[in-house]
Amino acid sequence: MPPRVDYALTPLGRTLHETIKALVTWPEEHQGEIAAARAAYDRGREMMDT
């Protein structure tokens, strides 16, 4: 039988949970605005290329 390895966050690592969660939820909550900004940027680039 192969050896077993268990991984876990330390208490210090767990203090990052809220920060990481914010980095995940922010783009989820703003995906419409992000898509609109990208589209506006792409339209501006297309105008510069012509």
C-alpha atoms as a PDB file:
ATOM      1  CA  MET A   1       0.000   0.000   0.000  1.00  0.00           C
ATOM      2  CA  PRO A   2       1.447   3.440  -0.946  1.00  0.00           C
ATOM      3  CA  PRO A   3       2.077   5.986   1.811  1.00  0.00           C
ATOM      4  CA  ARG A   4      -0.704   8.441   2.530  1.00  0.00           C
ATOM      5  CA  VAL A   5      -0.177  12.210   2.588  1.00  0.00           C
ATOM      6  CA  ASP A   6      -2.673  14.671   4.045  1.00  0.00           C
ATOM      7  CA  TYR A   7      -2.465  18.359   3.242  1.00  0.00           C
ATOM      8  CA  ALA A   8      -4.056  21.169   5.233  1.00  0.00           C
ATOM      9  CA  LEU A   9      -3.737  24.920   5.540  1.00  0.00           C
ATOM     10  CA  THR A  10      -2.020  26.303   8.573  1.00  0.00           C
ATOM     11  CA  PRO A  11      -3.858  28.863  10.712  1.00  0.00           C
ATOM     12  CA  LEU A  12      -1.793  31.559   8.952  1.00  0.00           C
ATOM     13  CA  GLY A  13      -2.811  30.216   5.546  1.00  0.00           C
ATOM     14  CA  ARG A  14      -6.458  30.231   6.597  1.00  0.00           C
ATOM     15  CA  THR A  15      -6.234  33.983   7.224  1.00  0.00           C
ATOM     16  CA  LEU A  16      -6.043  34.420   3.439  1.00  0.00           C
ATOM     17  CA  HIS A  17      -9.460  32.846   2.867  1.00  0.00           C
ATOM     18  CA  GLU A  18     -11.475  36.093   2.782  1.00  0.00           C
ATOM     19  CA  THR A  19      -8.915  37.786   0.528  1.00  0.00           C
ATOM     20  CA  ILE A  20      -8.888  34.904  -1.955  1.00  0.00           C
ATOM     21  CA  LYS A  21     -12.690  34.716  -1.842  1.00  0.00           C
ATOM     22  CA  ALA A  22     -12.896  38.425  -2.717  1.00  0.00           C
ATOM     23  CA  LEU A  23     -10.579  37.903  -5.697  1.00  0.00           C
ATOM     24  CA  VAL A  24     -12.929  35.195  -6.969  1.00  0.00           C
ATOM     25  CA  THR A  25     -16.276  36.864  -6.292  1.00  0.00           C
ATOM     26  CA  TRP A  26     -15.396  40.356  -7.600  1.00  0.00           C
ATOM     27  CA  PRO A  27     -15.031  39.311 -11.261  1.00  0.00           C
ATOM     28  CA  GLU A  28     -18.099  37.079 -10.951  1.00  0.00           C
ATOM     29  CA  GLU A  29     -20.147  40.049  -9.714  1.00  0.00           C
ATOM     30  CA  HIS A  30     -18.784  42.399 -12.401  1.00  0.00           C
ATOM     31  CA  GLN A  31     -18.586  40.119 -15.419  1.00  0.00           C
ATOM     32  CA  GLY A  32     -21.086  42.201 -17.412  1.00  0.00           C
ATOM     33  CA  GLU A  33     -19.095  45.382 -16.835  1.00  0.00           C
ATOM     34  CA  ILE A  34     -15.841  43.607 -17.643  1.00  0.00           C
ATOM     35  CA  ALA A  35     -17.254  42.247 -20.915  1.00  0.00           C
ATOM     36  CA  ALA A  36     -18.564  45.705 -21.867  1.00  0.00           C
ATOM     37  CA  ALA A  37     -15.194  47.330 -21.131  1.00  0.00           C
ATOM     38  CA  ARG A  38     -13.389  44.705 -23.210  1.00  0.00           C
ATOM     39  CA  ALA A  39     -15.793  45.185 -26.111  1.00  0.00           C
ATOM     40  CA  ALA A  40     -15.383  48.979 -25.955  1.00  0.00           C
ATOM     41  CA  TYR A  41     -11.613  48.586 -25.902  1.00  0.00           C
ATOM     42  CA  ASP A  42     -11.711  46.197 -28.873  1.00  0.00           C
ATOM     43  CA  ARG A  43     -13.913  48.619 -30.840  1.00  0.00           C
ATOM     44  CA  GLY A  44     -11.426  51.392 -30.160  1.00  0.00           C
ATOM     45  CA  ARG A  45      -8.534  49.203 -31.331  1.00  0.00           C
ATOM     46  CA  GLU A  46     -10.394  48.297 -34.519  1.00  0.00           C
ATOM     47  CA  MET A  47     -10.872  51.996 -35.308  1.00  0.00           C
ATOM     48  CA  MET A  48      -7.166  52.640 -34.790  1.00  0.00           C
ATOM     49  CA  ASP A  49      -6.217  49.757 -37.103  1.00  0.00           C
ATOM     50  CA  THR A  50      -8.245  51.065 -40.064  1.00  0.00           C
END
